[in-house]
Amino acid sequence: MTMATAAQLPGDVERILSFDELPPRVRRIPSDHNPLASGVLMDPQREWIRQCHENDLMIAEKGRRTGITYSTALDSTIIAASSADAGGDNIYYIGDTKEKGLEFIGYCAHMAKVMAAAMADGFMGIEVFLFEDQQEDGSSKQITSYRIRFASGFQIVALSSNPANIRGLQGIVIIDEAAFHKNVQAVVDACNALLIWGGKIRVISTHNGDRNPFNQLILDADAGVNPFKVFRCTFDDAVAAGLFERVCMMRKWEPTEERKRTWYNRIRGSYGSNRAAMLEELDAIPREGSGVAIPGVVIESCMKEARPVVRLSLDSEFGLKPVDERRRWCDDWIRANIDPLLELLDPKLDHYFGFDYARYMDLGCFGPIEVEQDLTRKVPWIIELYNVPKSQQQQILFYVIRRLPRFRCGAMDATGNGQGLAEDTADEFGRMNILQVTLNDAWYRANMLSFVEAFEDRTIDVPRDADVKNDLRMLVRINGITKLPNLRVVDTKDGEKKRHGDSAIMLALGWFASNQDAGPPWGASRGRRESVNMLKGYDNAA
């Protein structure tokens, strides 16, 4: 793998060792290789459990997939299945997503069956129930939860979302991926409140920036400001303890040193130029300054008011419907949701737009930009599309573009799957009016600096929306280039979906379009077809 220079790495980290520079005990496969010779758990996992039994308040800062949560599930199963005299207790697991909670309770259920633990008679599996979550104002909210009940009288409960009142839980509370909870500070504050009633707390997480409250909790623990004990496990610690050999056992691979070298270098190399993310995710070294290119306070200063953010989210069955039925349904949706947005546009102002295409994993985002008299770029509303077929995205896009007052130029993501829709749109509205942008380091280097400066100068005005802010905060400077890391965050409107800075890229594309010399408004001096024909003639002449 390519070595990073000191200038590319945060803090006092000089560089990352290559596989060949790791200690021989890490690189070599023992001749008497047996991944389970030392037991089900690796050394770091056993050490974590040992320290948890010796200390009521524990923090684990870890690299991803190092097995700390898995070992915690095994320990939790044993504790909940034990009698009170033997140290049994209730276990409450609080993950940052519903999927994490189900995964954890699934581990516990499997372990209980394997160990034939003393469970309630006729155990049928994982129970789904509604947890009564007491709010600060005295009201209550029911949140979906998962539970395993044991004959000991204790239970393991995995809450499917962040409860508002963690303070009310009694027993052993496990807060997983604490740095990624929607309200990290509330989680940390709840940890402090639990101490009043002698609670036992396990806070487990990878890092999410050095300014994140999770990192501050660790710094305070190291300084003796709070009574937590910190345990650290990196990716390399897990590799040294036999992680690769266990992967081979599960995958039915033959473990060899060459295969281990390839596996190790592929994992580190997958981060590409994003060294800060690699250090944070694998080596438990938080990124400096949270890695953000635009501070939150600067973003909020450019959010003058709340404006519509309209979302269309479709299930997978929609794409199986007949084409005419999909089109008719989308026409109705447009009339109900898009027409009111178009009424909000100022007919006297020039209009531009940005569009970031996505089909499945991320959100497709569209936003018009109005250039006001003082040259401020105002975004009057945003459309977000999740799991929407390409034909319906085009249907919505063409409908809006044809109705943008004094439309001059739009910029579209033409990277990968977005290229087809970008080309179709350019054919429809003219290649001088539709810029097809390949999002790569060269484009980011040339254009993102002025986009960031727009926020610093307050010459851009975007809707006040939590997800839009979070998307913008995902922009980081990587080797001098402002772009998105290979990370996703939870959508605040729908905790089951993940975002990848979708509206940030859309806004950057719109800003880029609004700074182009696009000529007269589209359709002002010539018809669409004539414009397209002229461009085709220009392409042929070239």
Protein backbone atom coordinates (compact mmCIF):
# COMPACT_ATOMS: atom_id res chain seq x y z
CA MET A 1 0.00 0.00 0.00
CA THR A 2 1.09 3.59 -0.52
CA MET A 3 2.59 5.25 2.51
CA ALA A 4 1.03 8.46 3.85
CA THR A 5 3.24 11.40 4.61
CA ALA A 6 3.24 13.17 7.95
CA ALA A 7 1.47 16.15 6.40
CA GLN A 8 -1.49 13.98 5.47
CA LEU A 9 -2.05 12.55 8.93
CA PRO A 10 -3.58 14.21 11.99
CA GLY A 11 -1.87 14.97 15.26
CA ASP A 12 1.38 13.19 16.05
CA VAL A 13 0.74 10.23 13.74
CA GLU A 14 3.69 9.98 11.39
CA ARG A 15 2.49 7.17 9.14
CA ILE A 16 0.64 3.85 8.95
CA LEU A 17 2.70 0.67 8.81
CA SER A 18 2.38 -1.57 5.79
CA PHE A 19 1.58 -5.25 6.28
CA ASP A 20 5.21 -6.24 5.79
CA GLU A 21 6.27 -3.92 8.62
CA LEU A 22 3.93 -5.53 11.14
CA PRO A 23 5.48 -7.84 13.78
CA PRO A 24 6.13 -11.40 12.57
CA ARG A 25 3.54 -12.81 14.99
CA VAL A 26 0.93 -10.76 13.15
CA ARG A 27 2.06 -11.60 9.62
CA ARG A 28 2.69 -15.30 9.97
CA ILE A 29 0.16 -18.09 10.14
CA PRO A 30 1.08 -20.53 12.96
CA SER A 31 1.90 -24.06 11.79
CA ASP A 32 -0.46 -25.44 14.44
CA HIS A 33 -3.12 -22.94 13.44
CA ASN A 34 -6.36 -23.30 15.41
CA PRO A 35 -8.45 -20.11 15.69
CA LEU A 36 -10.40 -21.48 18.66
CA ALA A 37 -7.42 -22.87 20.58
CA SER A 38 -7.70 -20.07 23.14
CA GLY A 39 -11.50 -20.18 23.26
CA VAL A 40 -14.42 -18.59 21.49
CA LEU A 41 -13.13 -15.05 22.06
CA MET A 42 -9.88 -13.41 21.07
CA ASP A 43 -7.56 -11.91 23.67
CA PRO A 44 -8.82 -8.28 23.30
CA GLN A 45 -12.41 -9.48 23.63
CA ARG A 46 -11.64 -11.43 26.80
CA GLU A 47 -9.71 -8.50 28.24
CA TRP A 48 -12.66 -6.17 27.59
CA ILE A 49 -15.03 -8.49 29.47
CA ARG A 50 -12.56 -8.92 32.32
CA GLN A 51 -12.27 -5.17 32.78
CA CYS A 52 -16.05 -4.77 32.57
CA HIS A 53 -16.46 -7.19 35.50
CA GLU A 54 -13.90 -5.25 37.52
CA ASN A 55 -15.24 -1.77 36.72
CA ASP A 56 -18.82 -0.54 36.68
CA LEU A 57 -18.11 2.28 34.24
CA MET A 58 -16.31 1.32 31.04
CA ILE A 59 -15.61 2.96 27.69
CA ALA A 60 -14.39 1.06 24.64
CA GLU A 61 -12.85 3.13 21.83
CA LYS A 62 -12.40 0.71 18.99
CA GLY A 63 -11.74 0.08 15.35
CA ARG A 64 -14.58 -1.28 13.27
CA ARG A 65 -15.41 -5.00 13.31
CA THR A 66 -13.01 -5.80 16.11
CA GLY A 67 -15.53 -7.98 17.96
CA ILE A 68 -16.11 -5.87 21.07
CA THR A 69 -19.88 -5.72 20.63
CA TYR A 70 -19.97 -9.46 19.89
CA SER A 71 -18.09 -10.30 23.08
CA THR A 72 -20.39 -7.96 25.01
CA ALA A 73 -23.37 -9.94 23.70
CA LEU A 74 -21.85 -13.20 24.96
CA ASP A 75 -21.16 -11.70 28.38
CA SER A 76 -24.66 -10.18 28.51
CA THR A 77 -26.25 -13.56 27.78
CA ILE A 78 -24.39 -15.20 30.65
CA ILE A 79 -25.24 -12.36 33.05
CA ALA A 80 -28.96 -12.29 32.20
CA ALA A 81 -29.22 -16.11 32.45
CA SER A 82 -27.61 -16.10 35.92
CA SER A 83 -29.46 -15.85 39.19
CA ALA A 84 -29.29 -12.72 41.31
CA ASP A 85 -26.98 -14.48 43.79
CA ALA A 86 -24.62 -15.33 40.92
CA GLY A 87 -24.51 -11.72 39.69
CA GLY A 88 -27.41 -11.82 37.25
CA ASP A 89 -28.96 -8.57 36.09
CA ASN A 90 -31.08 -6.97 33.39
CA ILE A 91 -29.27 -5.85 30.25
CA TYR A 92 -30.34 -2.85 28.18
CA TYR A 93 -28.70 -2.40 24.79
CA ILE A 94 -29.04 0.98 23.06
CA GLY A 95 -27.65 1.13 19.52
CA ASP A 96 -27.61 4.03 17.09
CA THR A 97 -29.98 2.25 14.68
CA LYS A 98 -32.79 -0.29 14.87
CA GLU A 99 -30.72 -2.76 12.86
CA LYS A 100 -27.94 -2.67 15.45
CA GLY A 101 -30.41 -3.55 18.20
CA LEU A 102 -31.80 -6.49 16.26
CA GLU A 103 -28.28 -7.71 15.44
CA PHE A 104 -27.26 -7.58 19.10
CA ILE A 105 -30.35 -9.39 20.37
CA GLY A 106 -29.86 -11.94 17.61
CA TYR A 107 -26.35 -12.68 18.87
CA CYS A 108 -27.69 -13.11 22.39
CA ALA A 109 -30.49 -15.45 21.30
CA HIS A 110 -28.09 -17.63 19.35
CA MET A 111 -25.63 -17.78 22.23
CA ALA A 112 -28.37 -18.68 24.70
CA LYS A 113 -29.44 -21.62 22.55
CA VAL A 114 -25.89 -22.84 22.01
CA MET A 115 -25.09 -22.68 25.71
CA ALA A 116 -28.48 -24.18 26.63
CA ALA A 117 -28.87 -21.40 29.15
CA ALA A 118 -31.69 -21.61 31.70
CA MET A 119 -34.30 -19.81 29.67
CA ALA A 120 -38.02 -19.55 30.23
CA ASP A 121 -39.97 -22.68 29.39
CA GLY A 122 -41.02 -22.88 25.76
CA PHE A 123 -38.65 -20.18 24.53
CA MET A 124 -39.98 -19.13 21.13
CA GLY A 125 -37.28 -16.66 20.13
CA ILE A 126 -36.91 -12.92 20.19
CA GLU A 127 -39.92 -10.97 21.44
CA VAL A 128 -40.93 -7.72 19.77
CA PHE A 129 -42.70 -5.34 22.12
CA LEU A 130 -43.37 -1.67 22.73
CA PHE A 131 -41.11 0.00 25.28
CA GLU A 132 -42.79 2.81 27.22
CA ASP A 133 -40.30 5.65 26.97
CA GLN A 134 -40.96 8.47 29.44
CA GLN A 135 -40.37 11.93 27.95
CA GLU A 136 -39.04 14.94 29.85
CA ASP A 137 -42.41 16.73 29.64
CA GLY A 138 -44.14 13.86 31.45
CA SER A 139 -45.66 12.30 28.36
CA SER A 140 -44.65 8.88 27.10
CA LYS A 141 -43.73 7.45 23.73
CA GLN A 142 -43.84 3.82 22.70
CA ILE A 143 -40.80 2.64 20.75
CA THR A 144 -40.32 -0.76 19.13
CA SER A 145 -37.97 -2.97 21.14
CA TYR A 146 -36.64 -6.53 21.18
CA ARG A 147 -36.42 -8.76 24.25
CA ILE A 148 -35.23 -12.16 25.48
CA ARG A 149 -36.55 -13.29 28.88
CA PHE A 150 -34.69 -15.84 30.98
CA ALA A 151 -35.86 -18.26 33.69
CA SER A 152 -33.57 -16.32 36.05
CA GLY A 153 -36.13 -13.52 35.96
CA PHE A 154 -33.79 -11.19 34.08
CA GLN A 155 -34.02 -10.04 30.50
CA ILE A 156 -31.99 -8.59 27.67
CA VAL A 157 -33.73 -5.66 25.99
CA ALA A 158 -32.50 -4.10 22.76
CA LEU A 159 -34.15 -0.76 22.18
CA SER A 160 -34.73 -0.04 18.51
CA SER A 161 -34.11 3.69 18.77
CA ASN A 162 -32.53 6.15 21.18
CA PRO A 163 -34.78 6.40 24.23
CA ALA A 164 -35.32 9.88 25.58
CA ASN A 165 -35.02 8.77 29.18
CA ILE A 166 -32.04 6.43 29.53
CA ARG A 167 -31.85 7.59 33.14
CA GLY A 168 -34.86 5.44 34.01
CA LEU A 169 -33.15 2.16 33.10
CA GLN A 170 -31.78 0.05 35.94
CA GLY A 171 -29.26 -2.71 35.37
CA ILE A 172 -26.38 -2.87 32.93
CA VAL A 173 -26.77 -0.34 30.14
CA ILE A 174 -24.79 -0.82 26.92
CA ILE A 175 -24.61 2.21 24.66
CA ASP A 176 -23.19 1.11 21.31
CA GLU A 177 -21.73 3.43 18.66
CA ALA A 178 -22.32 6.30 21.08
CA ALA A 179 -20.50 8.79 18.85
CA PHE A 180 -23.13 8.28 16.14
CA HIS A 181 -26.30 8.70 18.18
CA LYS A 182 -28.61 11.46 17.00
CA ASN A 183 -28.00 13.41 20.20
CA VAL A 184 -24.57 12.34 21.42
CA GLN A 185 -24.47 14.86 24.23
CA ALA A 186 -27.78 13.58 25.64
CA VAL A 187 -26.35 10.05 25.68
CA VAL A 188 -23.25 11.22 27.53
CA ASP A 189 -25.35 13.24 29.99
CA ALA A 190 -27.53 10.19 30.62
CA CYS A 191 -24.42 8.18 31.46
CA ASN A 192 -23.65 10.66 34.23
CA ALA A 193 -27.22 10.50 35.58
CA LEU A 194 -27.13 6.69 35.73
CA LEU A 195 -24.29 6.88 38.22
CA ILE A 196 -26.65 8.27 40.85
CA TRP A 197 -28.43 4.93 41.15
CA GLY A 198 -25.32 2.80 40.95
CA GLY A 199 -25.82 1.82 37.34
CA LYS A 200 -23.30 -0.13 35.33
CA ILE A 201 -22.52 1.44 32.01
CA ARG A 202 -20.67 0.21 28.94
CA VAL A 203 -20.07 2.89 26.31
CA ILE A 204 -18.78 1.38 23.06
CA SER A 205 -17.98 3.28 19.86
CA THR A 206 -15.70 4.05 17.02
CA HIS A 207 -14.75 7.71 16.83
CA ASN A 208 -16.61 10.44 14.98
CA GLY A 209 -14.22 13.40 15.14
CA ASP A 210 -12.13 14.80 17.96
CA ARG A 211 -14.81 17.35 18.88
CA ASN A 212 -17.48 14.72 19.35
CA PRO A 213 -18.74 14.36 22.96
CA PHE A 214 -17.70 10.69 22.89
CA ASN A 215 -14.08 11.73 22.45
CA GLN A 216 -14.47 14.34 25.17
CA LEU A 217 -15.80 11.63 27.50
CA ILE A 218 -12.58 9.68 26.85
CA LEU A 219 -10.37 12.72 27.38
CA ASP A 220 -12.12 13.46 30.69
CA ALA A 221 -11.68 9.84 31.77
CA ASP A 222 -7.97 9.91 30.93
CA ALA A 223 -7.63 13.14 32.89
CA GLY A 224 -9.47 11.70 35.90
CA VAL A 225 -12.37 14.13 35.53
CA ASN A 226 -14.88 11.25 35.41
CA PRO A 227 -14.66 7.72 36.87
CA PHE A 228 -14.84 5.82 33.57
CA LYS A 229 -12.07 3.40 32.64
CA VAL A 230 -11.04 3.41 28.97
CA PHE A 231 -10.31 0.28 26.96
CA ARG A 232 -8.84 0.55 23.46
CA CYS A 233 -8.91 -2.03 20.65
CA THR A 234 -7.74 -1.20 17.12
CA PHE A 235 -8.02 -3.16 13.90
CA ASP A 236 -4.35 -4.12 14.21
CA ASP A 237 -4.94 -5.35 17.76
CA ALA A 238 -7.66 -7.66 16.44
CA VAL A 239 -5.44 -8.80 13.55
CA ALA A 240 -2.65 -9.63 15.99
CA ALA A 241 -5.14 -11.63 18.07
CA GLY A 242 -6.21 -13.78 15.12
CA LEU A 243 -9.00 -11.89 13.37
CA PHE A 244 -7.92 -12.99 9.90
CA GLU A 245 -7.65 -16.61 10.94
CA ARG A 246 -11.20 -16.50 12.29
CA VAL A 247 -12.39 -14.91 9.06
CA CYS A 248 -10.80 -17.83 7.19
CA MET A 249 -12.53 -20.29 9.48
CA MET A 250 -15.93 -18.71 8.82
CA ARG A 251 -15.35 -18.31 5.07
CA LYS A 252 -13.80 -21.75 4.62
CA TRP A 253 -10.58 -20.19 3.29
CA GLU A 254 -7.14 -21.69 3.55
CA PRO A 255 -5.17 -19.22 5.72
CA THR A 256 -1.86 -18.26 4.11
CA GLU A 257 0.47 -15.33 4.68
CA GLU A 258 -0.03 -14.12 1.11
CA ARG A 259 -3.81 -14.18 1.48
CA LYS A 260 -3.51 -12.36 4.80
CA ARG A 261 -1.32 -9.69 3.20
CA THR A 262 -3.85 -9.19 0.39
CA TRP A 263 -6.78 -9.07 2.84
CA TYR A 264 -5.05 -6.58 5.15
CA ASN A 265 -3.87 -4.24 2.39
CA ARG A 266 -7.26 -4.34 0.68
CA ILE A 267 -9.02 -3.22 3.85
CA ARG A 268 -6.65 -0.31 4.43
CA GLY A 269 -6.46 0.54 0.74
CA SER A 270 -10.25 0.74 0.44
CA TYR A 271 -10.11 4.20 2.07
CA GLY A 272 -8.08 5.56 -0.84
CA SER A 273 -6.91 9.10 -0.18
CA ASN A 274 -9.14 9.44 2.87
CA ARG A 275 -6.41 8.72 5.41
CA ALA A 276 -8.21 10.53 8.21
CA ALA A 277 -11.22 8.21 7.86
CA MET A 278 -8.95 5.16 7.83
CA LEU A 279 -7.23 6.26 11.04
CA GLU A 280 -10.56 6.94 12.68
CA GLU A 281 -12.33 3.77 11.56
CA LEU A 282 -9.48 1.28 11.98
CA ASP A 283 -7.01 2.82 14.43
CA ALA A 284 -9.36 4.63 16.84
CA ILE A 285 -7.71 8.00 16.13
CA PRO A 286 -10.40 10.70 15.85
CA ARG A 287 -10.19 13.12 12.97
CA GLU A 288 -9.04 16.59 13.86
CA GLY A 289 -11.71 19.27 13.93
CA SER A 290 -14.36 16.62 13.30
CA GLY A 291 -13.05 16.60 9.73
CA VAL A 292 -15.66 19.14 8.63
CA ALA A 293 -14.94 21.67 5.90
CA ILE A 294 -17.80 24.00 6.96
CA PRO A 295 -18.39 24.48 10.70
CA GLY A 296 -21.94 23.96 11.90
CA VAL A 297 -22.31 27.54 13.14
CA VAL A 298 -21.36 28.83 9.67
CA ILE A 299 -23.89 26.53 8.01
CA GLU A 300 -26.68 27.65 10.35
CA SER A 301 -25.88 31.30 9.64
CA CYS A 302 -26.80 30.58 5.99
CA MET A 303 -30.09 28.92 6.94
CA LYS A 304 -32.33 31.97 7.28
CA GLU A 305 -35.64 30.12 7.49
CA ALA A 306 -37.29 26.71 7.29
CA ARG A 307 -38.39 25.91 3.75
CA PRO A 308 -39.99 22.84 2.17
CA VAL A 309 -37.94 19.66 1.83
CA VAL A 310 -40.26 17.28 -0.03
CA ARG A 311 -39.45 13.60 -0.03
CA LEU A 312 -40.64 10.78 -2.27
CA SER A 313 -39.73 7.33 -0.95
CA LEU A 314 -40.96 4.26 -2.84
CA ASP A 315 -40.81 0.57 -2.01
CA SER A 316 -39.28 -2.00 -4.33
CA GLU A 317 -42.72 -3.14 -5.51
CA PHE A 318 -43.35 0.17 -7.28
CA GLY A 319 -40.77 -0.59 -9.95
CA LEU A 320 -42.67 -3.76 -10.88
CA LYS A 321 -45.85 -1.89 -11.80
CA PRO A 322 -46.71 -1.27 -15.48
CA VAL A 323 -45.05 1.80 -17.00
CA ASP A 324 -48.32 3.64 -17.65
CA GLU A 325 -49.51 3.03 -14.09
CA ARG A 326 -46.24 4.37 -12.67
CA ARG A 327 -46.45 7.45 -14.87
CA ARG A 328 -50.06 8.19 -13.89
CA TRP A 329 -49.25 7.75 -10.20
CA CYS A 330 -46.28 10.09 -10.52
CA ASP A 331 -48.40 12.69 -12.36
CA ASP A 332 -50.77 12.74 -9.39
CA TRP A 333 -47.87 13.01 -6.95
CA ILE A 334 -46.40 15.90 -8.93
CA ARG A 335 -49.66 17.82 -8.93
CA ALA A 336 -50.07 17.34 -5.18
CA ASN A 337 -46.49 18.00 -4.13
CA ILE A 338 -44.54 19.85 -6.85
CA ASP A 339 -47.09 22.36 -8.12
CA PRO A 340 -47.28 24.09 -4.71
CA LEU A 341 -43.47 24.40 -4.71
CA LEU A 342 -43.44 26.02 -8.15
CA GLU A 343 -45.83 28.69 -6.85
CA LEU A 344 -43.11 29.75 -4.40
CA LEU A 345 -40.61 30.69 -7.13
CA ASP A 346 -40.01 34.35 -7.95
CA PRO A 347 -40.82 34.84 -11.67
CA LYS A 348 -38.56 37.90 -11.89
CA LEU A 349 -35.34 36.09 -10.89
CA ASP A 350 -32.97 33.92 -12.90
CA HIS A 351 -33.12 30.26 -11.92
CA TYR A 352 -30.51 27.52 -11.89
CA PHE A 353 -30.50 24.06 -10.34
CA GLY A 354 -28.35 21.21 -9.04
CA PHE A 355 -29.25 17.53 -9.21
CA ASP A 356 -27.39 14.65 -7.53
CA TYR A 357 -28.57 11.33 -8.92
CA ALA A 358 -29.06 8.21 -6.79
CA ARG A 359 -31.20 5.13 -7.22
CA TYR A 360 -30.97 2.79 -4.22
CA MET A 361 -28.38 3.37 -1.48
CA ASP A 362 -28.45 7.17 -1.37
CA LEU A 363 -30.97 9.92 -1.99
CA GLY A 364 -31.44 11.67 -5.31
CA CYS A 365 -31.61 15.41 -4.60
CA PHE A 366 -32.89 18.34 -6.67
CA GLY A 367 -32.84 21.98 -5.67
CA PRO A 368 -33.50 25.17 -7.66
CA ILE A 369 -31.36 28.24 -7.03
CA GLU A 370 -32.63 31.81 -7.38
CA VAL A 371 -30.06 34.57 -7.88
CA GLU A 372 -31.34 37.54 -5.91
CA GLN A 373 -30.62 41.23 -6.55
CA ASP A 374 -27.65 41.21 -4.17
CA LEU A 375 -26.34 38.05 -5.94
CA THR A 376 -27.17 35.80 -3.00
CA ARG A 377 -27.97 32.27 -4.16
CA LYS A 378 -31.24 31.26 -2.50
CA VAL A 379 -32.52 27.68 -2.44
CA PRO A 380 -36.32 27.99 -2.04
CA TRP A 381 -36.99 24.25 -1.60
CA ILE A 382 -35.50 20.78 -2.07
CA ILE A 383 -36.84 17.51 -3.47
CA GLU A 384 -35.41 14.21 -2.17
CA LEU A 385 -36.00 10.95 -4.04
CA TYR A 386 -35.38 7.54 -2.47
CA ASN A 387 -35.66 4.30 -4.45
CA VAL A 388 -37.42 6.14 -7.29
CA PRO A 389 -37.06 4.54 -10.76
CA LYS A 390 -35.03 6.49 -13.30
CA SER A 391 -38.06 7.07 -15.53
CA GLN A 392 -39.98 8.72 -12.66
CA GLN A 393 -36.94 10.79 -11.68
CA GLN A 394 -36.84 12.03 -15.28
CA GLN A 395 -40.59 12.66 -15.22
CA ILE A 396 -40.27 14.86 -12.14
CA LEU A 397 -37.08 16.54 -13.32
CA PHE A 398 -38.39 17.50 -16.77
CA TYR A 399 -41.67 18.76 -15.28
CA VAL A 400 -39.83 21.09 -12.90
CA ILE A 401 -37.21 22.36 -15.37
CA ARG A 402 -39.88 23.35 -17.93
CA ARG A 403 -41.54 25.49 -15.25
CA LEU A 404 -38.51 27.19 -13.69
CA PRO A 405 -38.88 30.94 -14.31
CA ARG A 406 -36.05 32.41 -16.40
CA PHE A 407 -34.19 29.08 -16.34
CA ARG A 408 -30.58 29.50 -17.40
CA CYS A 409 -28.49 26.51 -16.36
CA GLY A 410 -28.46 23.33 -14.34
CA ALA A 411 -25.63 21.01 -13.26
CA MET A 412 -26.22 17.28 -12.95
CA ASP A 413 -24.23 14.42 -11.51
CA ALA A 414 -23.13 12.43 -14.57
CA THR A 415 -21.03 9.97 -12.58
CA GLY A 416 -21.80 6.27 -13.02
CA ASN A 417 -25.55 5.59 -13.18
CA GLY A 418 -26.33 9.31 -13.29
CA GLN A 419 -24.79 9.69 -16.73
CA GLY A 420 -27.82 8.36 -18.61
CA LEU A 421 -30.29 10.76 -17.02
CA ALA A 422 -27.86 13.68 -17.40
CA GLU A 423 -27.47 12.95 -21.12
CA ASP A 424 -31.24 12.66 -21.64
CA THR A 425 -31.77 15.97 -19.84
CA ALA A 426 -29.06 17.69 -21.91
CA ASP A 427 -30.69 16.38 -25.11
CA GLU A 428 -34.05 17.74 -23.96
CA PHE A 429 -32.99 21.19 -22.77
CA GLY A 430 -29.71 21.83 -24.57
CA ARG A 431 -26.13 21.04 -23.69
CA MET A 432 -25.33 24.67 -22.92
CA ASN A 433 -28.18 24.68 -20.40
CA ILE A 434 -27.45 21.31 -18.76
CA LEU A 435 -23.92 20.74 -17.47
CA GLN A 436 -23.00 17.07 -17.14
CA VAL A 437 -20.53 16.87 -14.26
CA THR A 438 -18.27 13.92 -13.52
CA LEU A 439 -17.69 14.11 -9.78
CA ASN A 440 -14.00 13.40 -9.20
CA ASP A 441 -11.04 14.94 -7.38
CA ALA A 442 -10.29 17.27 -10.29
CA TRP A 443 -13.80 18.75 -10.20
CA TYR A 444 -13.82 18.99 -6.40
CA ARG A 445 -10.42 20.69 -6.42
CA ALA A 446 -11.55 23.26 -9.00
CA ASN A 447 -14.97 24.09 -7.58
CA MET A 448 -15.46 23.22 -3.91
CA LEU A 449 -13.33 26.03 -2.50
CA SER A 450 -15.68 28.71 -3.85
CA PHE A 451 -18.67 26.70 -2.58
CA VAL A 452 -17.22 26.65 0.96
CA GLU A 453 -16.41 30.37 0.70
CA ALA A 454 -20.07 31.05 -0.20
CA PHE A 455 -21.03 29.91 3.30
CA GLU A 456 -18.24 31.87 4.93
CA ASP A 457 -19.32 35.00 2.99
CA ARG A 458 -23.03 34.25 3.54
CA THR A 459 -23.77 34.55 -0.18
CA ILE A 460 -25.82 31.34 -0.17
CA ASP A 461 -29.15 30.80 1.61
CA VAL A 462 -30.35 27.21 2.09
CA PRO A 463 -33.41 25.76 3.88
CA ARG A 464 -33.10 25.37 7.64
CA ASP A 465 -33.23 21.60 7.91
CA ALA A 466 -31.36 19.15 10.15
CA ASP A 467 -30.55 16.70 7.33
CA VAL A 468 -29.31 19.44 5.03
CA LYS A 469 -27.03 20.68 7.80
CA ASN A 470 -25.74 17.17 8.49
CA ASP A 471 -25.08 16.62 4.79
CA LEU A 472 -23.04 19.82 4.60
CA ARG A 473 -21.12 18.90 7.74
CA MET A 474 -20.09 15.64 6.07
CA LEU A 475 -17.88 17.58 3.66
CA VAL A 476 -14.25 17.20 4.76
CA ARG A 477 -10.86 18.33 3.50
CA ILE A 478 -8.92 15.28 2.32
CA ASN A 479 -5.39 15.99 1.14
CA GLY A 480 -6.37 19.60 0.43
CA ILE A 481 -9.60 18.70 -1.44
CA THR A 482 -13.08 19.30 -0.04
CA LYS A 483 -15.30 16.29 -0.75
CA LEU A 484 -17.34 13.54 0.91
CA PRO A 485 -15.73 10.68 2.83
CA ASN A 486 -16.87 7.10 2.32
CA LEU A 487 -19.18 7.28 5.33
CA ARG A 488 -22.94 7.44 5.77
CA VAL A 489 -25.06 8.94 8.54
CA VAL A 490 -28.58 8.22 9.74
CA ASP A 491 -31.39 10.18 8.15
CA THR A 492 -33.09 12.14 10.95
CA LYS A 493 -36.48 11.86 9.23
CA ASP A 494 -36.18 8.09 8.81
CA GLY A 495 -33.69 6.34 11.07
CA GLU A 496 -33.64 3.28 8.81
CA LYS A 497 -32.11 5.12 5.84
CA LYS A 498 -28.57 6.35 5.47
CA ARG A 499 -27.41 9.59 3.86
CA HIS A 500 -24.16 10.27 2.09
CA GLY A 501 -24.08 14.05 1.99
CA ASP A 502 -26.68 13.96 -0.80
CA SER A 503 -28.03 17.51 -0.50
CA ALA A 504 -24.48 18.89 -0.04
CA ILE A 505 -23.43 17.66 -3.48
CA MET A 506 -26.68 18.89 -5.00
CA LEU A 507 -26.07 22.35 -3.51
CA ALA A 508 -22.47 22.36 -4.76
CA LEU A 509 -23.67 21.49 -8.26
CA GLY A 510 -26.30 24.23 -8.11
CA TRP A 511 -23.71 26.75 -6.94
CA PHE A 512 -21.46 25.68 -9.80
CA ALA A 513 -24.28 26.11 -12.33
CA SER A 514 -25.21 29.55 -10.99
CA ASN A 515 -21.68 30.80 -11.65
CA GLN A 516 -21.67 29.84 -15.34
CA ASP A 517 -22.12 32.29 -18.22
CA ALA A 518 -25.20 30.53 -19.55
CA GLY A 519 -26.51 33.16 -21.98
CA PRO A 520 -30.19 34.19 -22.16
CA PRO A 521 -32.86 32.25 -20.27
CA TRP A 522 -33.84 28.96 -21.87
CA GLY A 523 -36.65 29.40 -24.38
CA ALA A 524 -36.41 33.21 -24.30
CA SER A 525 -34.98 33.69 -27.81
CA ARG A 526 -35.40 30.29 -29.44
CA GLY A 527 -37.40 27.12 -29.04
CA ARG A 528 -36.03 24.06 -27.34
CA ARG A 529 -35.74 21.99 -30.53
CA GLU A 530 -33.89 24.77 -32.36
CA SER A 531 -31.46 25.05 -29.45
CA VAL A 532 -30.82 21.31 -29.50
CA ASN A 533 -30.34 21.29 -33.26
CA MET A 534 -27.82 24.14 -33.07
CA LEU A 535 -25.87 22.22 -30.43
CA LYS A 536 -25.92 19.07 -32.53
CA GLY A 537 -24.55 21.05 -35.44
CA TYR A 538 -21.83 22.41 -33.21
CA ASP A 539 -20.97 18.89 -32.03
CA ASN A 540 -20.76 17.66 -35.63
CA ALA A 541 -18.61 20.58 -36.70
CA ALA A 542 -16.24 19.91 -33.80
